[in-house]
Amino acid sequence: MVTTAELTERYISEHPSIKDCLKKGVLNYSKLARAIAKDLDIEKKTSKEAILIAARRFAKKLKEEASREEKIRGILRKGELEIKNKIVIIITEKIRHTDKFFELEKDAKKEGCTFYIIEGSKTFTIITSKQYSEKIKKLFHEETLKTKEDLAMVIIKSPPDIENCSGVVSYIYSLFSDNNVNILETMSCWTDTILVIDEKDISKTMQFLKF
């Protein structure tokens, strides 16, 4: 059976504005308890008291989380942000001759183009520059399942101490989610966190990634 404390934490977690106010300590707990009790249809006096206690305990957890977030932001402030536009995603079926990818990568680098491959269980996802995508489409036209254009690549280059701080990538993802920016693909390479988004979201993304 779900406890009142669990219901309270779930309710707060599903309401980002309330969660943020709790984290900053700028919320009336009594009013919050009444509102939660009403919304959850558990308006007994004992339920309100249990909600009040649960909210205070959860607020303490959130304040600890805020302290960790500040540490994460401190790490990200020491990093760099790079944006590449005119990016294309091409998803292909798995093919037998994967040696083609090695040659394509060498060729793309010679032309100064972006080129990444992500191998899944049944498909390959190729992330590349628009100017190089036509060559890939022609080569794998029979195996191509989907193509997505008008994209941008966001590269967050963090300092090496990112390894010693948990929750950095989770925090980055939450920023995109909170700002309604969809991440189409993501990958990482040691200190680099690489995300692919729609080009139309570049301006918004640069704003909320200012640390």
Protein backbone atom coordinates (compact mmCIF):
# COMPACT_ATOMS: atom_id res chain seq x y z
CA MET A 1 0.00 0.00 0.00
CA VAL A 2 1.28 3.46 -0.91
CA THR A 3 1.97 5.61 2.16
CA THR A 4 0.98 9.26 2.61
CA ALA A 5 4.68 10.19 2.54
CA GLU A 6 5.13 8.45 -0.82
CA LEU A 7 2.03 10.13 -2.23
CA THR A 8 3.29 13.50 -1.03
CA GLU A 9 6.75 13.09 -2.58
CA ARG A 10 5.22 11.87 -5.83
CA TYR A 11 2.84 14.84 -5.94
CA ILE A 12 5.63 17.35 -5.32
CA SER A 13 7.91 15.68 -7.88
CA GLU A 14 5.16 15.92 -10.49
CA HIS A 15 4.79 19.68 -9.87
CA PRO A 16 8.17 21.30 -10.72
CA SER A 17 7.09 24.77 -9.53
CA ILE A 18 6.23 23.44 -6.06
CA LYS A 19 9.41 21.39 -5.96
CA ASP A 20 11.48 24.45 -6.83
CA CYS A 21 9.82 26.56 -4.11
CA LEU A 22 10.45 23.83 -1.52
CA LYS A 23 14.07 23.63 -2.58
CA LYS A 24 14.44 27.38 -2.05
CA GLY A 25 12.42 27.39 1.20
CA VAL A 26 9.84 29.92 -0.02
CA LEU A 27 6.62 27.99 0.46
CA ASN A 28 3.93 27.80 3.16
CA TYR A 29 3.83 24.15 4.31
CA SER A 30 0.36 24.35 5.83
CA LYS A 31 -1.16 25.66 2.60
CA LEU A 32 0.75 23.06 0.63
CA ALA A 33 -0.55 20.25 2.87
CA ARG A 34 -4.14 21.45 2.43
CA ALA A 35 -3.73 21.69 -1.34
CA ILE A 36 -2.21 18.21 -1.61
CA ALA A 37 -4.87 16.70 0.65
CA LYS A 38 -7.60 18.25 -1.49
CA ASP A 39 -6.08 17.20 -4.82
CA LEU A 40 -5.50 13.64 -3.58
CA ASP A 41 -8.92 13.53 -1.92
CA ILE A 42 -7.51 12.67 1.53
CA GLU A 43 -8.69 15.66 3.53
CA LYS A 44 -8.71 14.05 6.98
CA LYS A 45 -6.91 15.95 9.74
CA THR A 46 -4.44 13.11 10.28
CA SER A 47 -3.73 12.98 6.55
CA LYS A 48 -2.95 16.71 6.43
CA GLU A 49 -0.58 16.35 9.37
CA ALA A 50 1.15 13.40 7.69
CA ILE A 51 1.45 15.38 4.46
CA LEU A 52 2.92 18.34 6.35
CA ILE A 53 5.58 16.14 7.98
CA ALA A 54 6.36 14.40 4.67
CA ALA A 55 6.68 17.73 2.85
CA ARG A 56 9.14 19.06 5.44
CA ARG A 57 11.25 15.91 5.21
CA PHE A 58 11.20 16.01 1.43
CA ALA A 59 12.19 19.69 1.50
CA LYS A 60 15.29 18.74 3.47
CA LYS A 61 16.22 16.21 0.78
CA LEU A 62 15.66 18.84 -1.90
CA LYS A 63 17.93 21.34 -0.17
CA GLU A 64 20.68 18.72 -0.13
CA GLU A 65 19.97 18.19 -3.82
CA ALA A 66 20.28 21.94 -4.41
CA SER A 67 23.70 21.89 -2.75
CA ARG A 68 24.77 19.06 -5.08
CA GLU A 69 23.40 20.97 -8.07
CA GLU A 70 25.56 23.97 -7.17
CA LYS A 71 28.61 21.69 -7.18
CA ILE A 72 27.57 20.40 -10.61
CA ARG A 73 27.08 23.94 -11.92
CA GLY A 74 30.55 24.81 -10.62
CA ILE A 75 32.04 22.02 -12.72
CA LEU A 76 30.04 23.04 -15.80
CA ARG A 77 31.13 26.69 -15.41
CA LYS A 78 34.70 25.56 -15.97
CA GLY A 79 33.75 23.85 -19.23
CA GLU A 80 33.05 25.00 -22.78
CA LEU A 81 30.02 24.87 -25.03
CA GLU A 82 30.20 24.17 -28.77
CA ILE A 83 27.26 24.26 -31.19
CA LYS A 84 27.26 22.77 -34.68
CA ASN A 85 24.32 23.38 -36.99
CA LYS A 86 23.29 21.69 -40.26
CA ILE A 87 23.42 18.23 -38.71
CA VAL A 88 21.60 15.19 -40.11
CA ILE A 89 20.68 11.86 -38.49
CA ILE A 90 20.46 8.79 -40.73
CA ILE A 91 19.21 5.50 -39.29
CA THR A 92 20.06 2.36 -41.25
CA GLU A 93 19.50 -1.34 -40.85
CA LYS A 94 22.53 -3.29 -39.71
CA ILE A 95 24.59 -4.18 -42.74
CA ARG A 96 27.21 -6.84 -43.30
CA HIS A 97 30.06 -4.70 -44.55
CA THR A 98 30.69 -2.40 -41.60
CA ASP A 99 34.21 -1.68 -42.90
CA LYS A 100 32.52 0.96 -45.08
CA PHE A 101 31.98 3.07 -41.97
CA PHE A 102 35.72 3.30 -41.29
CA GLU A 103 36.37 4.62 -44.78
CA LEU A 104 33.44 7.03 -44.52
CA GLU A 105 34.73 8.42 -41.26
CA LYS A 106 38.20 9.00 -42.71
CA ASP A 107 36.67 10.68 -45.76
CA ALA A 108 34.37 12.87 -43.66
CA LYS A 109 37.23 14.05 -41.48
CA LYS A 110 39.24 14.97 -44.59
CA GLU A 111 36.33 17.13 -45.73
CA GLY A 112 36.04 18.70 -42.27
CA CYS A 113 32.62 17.14 -41.65
CA THR A 114 31.06 15.81 -38.48
CA PHE A 115 30.71 12.03 -38.40
CA TYR A 116 29.59 9.76 -35.56
CA ILE A 117 28.11 6.24 -35.50
CA ILE A 118 26.02 4.69 -32.74
CA GLU A 119 25.48 0.93 -32.97
CA GLY A 120 22.20 -0.44 -31.67
CA SER A 121 20.90 -4.00 -31.48
CA LYS A 122 19.29 -3.82 -34.93
CA THR A 123 20.32 -0.49 -36.45
CA PHE A 124 23.13 2.02 -36.93
CA THR A 125 22.54 5.70 -36.23
CA ILE A 126 24.80 7.97 -38.26
CA ILE A 127 25.17 11.59 -37.17
CA THR A 128 26.85 13.75 -39.76
CA SER A 129 27.05 17.13 -41.45
CA LYS A 130 24.38 17.97 -44.03
CA GLN A 131 26.99 18.39 -46.78
CA TYR A 132 28.21 14.83 -46.21
CA SER A 133 24.81 13.20 -45.69
CA GLU A 134 24.04 12.85 -49.41
CA LYS A 135 27.02 10.54 -49.87
CA ILE A 136 25.77 8.31 -47.05
CA LYS A 137 22.20 8.29 -48.38
CA LYS A 138 23.41 7.14 -51.79
CA LEU A 139 25.65 4.46 -50.32
CA PHE A 140 23.04 3.04 -47.94
CA HIS A 141 19.81 3.99 -49.73
CA GLU A 142 18.40 0.45 -49.55
CA GLU A 143 19.15 0.06 -45.82
CA THR A 144 18.05 3.55 -44.73
CA LEU A 145 15.05 3.48 -42.40
CA LYS A 146 14.77 7.13 -41.39
CA THR A 147 16.42 10.50 -41.98
CA LYS A 148 16.08 13.58 -39.79
CA GLU A 149 17.42 16.96 -40.97
CA ASP A 150 17.61 20.57 -39.71
CA LEU A 151 19.36 19.50 -36.51
CA ALA A 152 22.12 20.87 -34.32
CA MET A 153 24.78 19.23 -32.20
CA VAL A 154 25.45 20.54 -28.70
CA ILE A 155 28.85 19.57 -27.25
CA ILE A 156 29.38 20.29 -23.55
CA LYS A 157 33.11 20.03 -22.81
CA SER A 158 33.58 19.55 -19.07
CA PRO A 159 36.80 19.50 -17.00
CA PRO A 160 38.21 16.08 -15.93
CA ASP A 161 36.76 16.37 -12.40
CA ILE A 162 33.33 15.58 -13.90
CA GLU A 163 34.33 11.95 -13.22
CA ASN A 164 34.21 12.55 -9.47
CA CYS A 165 30.79 14.22 -9.34
CA SER A 166 27.63 12.14 -9.67
CA GLY A 167 24.51 13.47 -11.38
CA VAL A 168 26.10 15.82 -13.93
CA VAL A 169 24.55 14.22 -17.01
CA SER A 170 21.21 13.80 -15.22
CA TYR A 171 21.29 17.51 -14.35
CA ILE A 172 22.03 18.46 -17.96
CA TYR A 173 19.14 16.33 -19.20
CA SER A 174 16.79 17.93 -16.67
CA LEU A 175 17.63 21.38 -18.06
CA PHE A 176 16.57 20.28 -21.53
CA SER A 177 13.40 18.69 -20.19
CA ASP A 178 12.47 21.70 -18.04
CA ASN A 179 12.89 23.98 -21.05
CA ASN A 180 10.90 21.71 -23.37
CA VAL A 181 13.84 20.97 -25.68
CA ASN A 182 13.78 17.44 -27.06
CA ILE A 183 17.05 15.49 -27.21
CA LEU A 184 17.00 13.37 -30.37
CA GLU A 185 20.30 11.58 -29.79
CA THR A 186 22.96 11.63 -27.09
CA MET A 187 26.40 10.15 -26.52
CA SER A 188 29.50 10.89 -24.51
CA CYS A 189 33.27 10.62 -24.80
CA TRP A 190 35.00 11.03 -21.43
CA THR A 191 34.54 14.74 -20.61
CA ASP A 192 32.41 15.53 -23.68
CA THR A 193 28.62 15.23 -23.47
CA ILE A 194 27.13 15.33 -26.97
CA LEU A 195 23.45 15.94 -27.68
CA VAL A 196 21.50 16.39 -30.91
CA ILE A 197 18.50 18.74 -30.94
CA ASP A 198 16.35 20.62 -33.47
CA GLU A 199 18.06 23.67 -34.98
CA LYS A 200 15.12 25.84 -33.94
CA ASP A 201 16.03 25.23 -30.28
CA ILE A 202 19.62 26.49 -30.52
CA SER A 203 18.94 29.97 -29.13
CA LYS A 204 16.89 28.68 -26.20
CA THR A 205 19.52 26.02 -25.43
CA MET A 206 22.37 28.53 -25.34
CA GLN A 207 20.42 30.53 -22.78
CA PHE A 208 19.78 27.77 -20.26
CA LEU A 209 23.28 26.31 -20.67
CA LYS A 210 24.86 29.52 -19.41
CA PHE A 211 26.44 28.50 -16.13
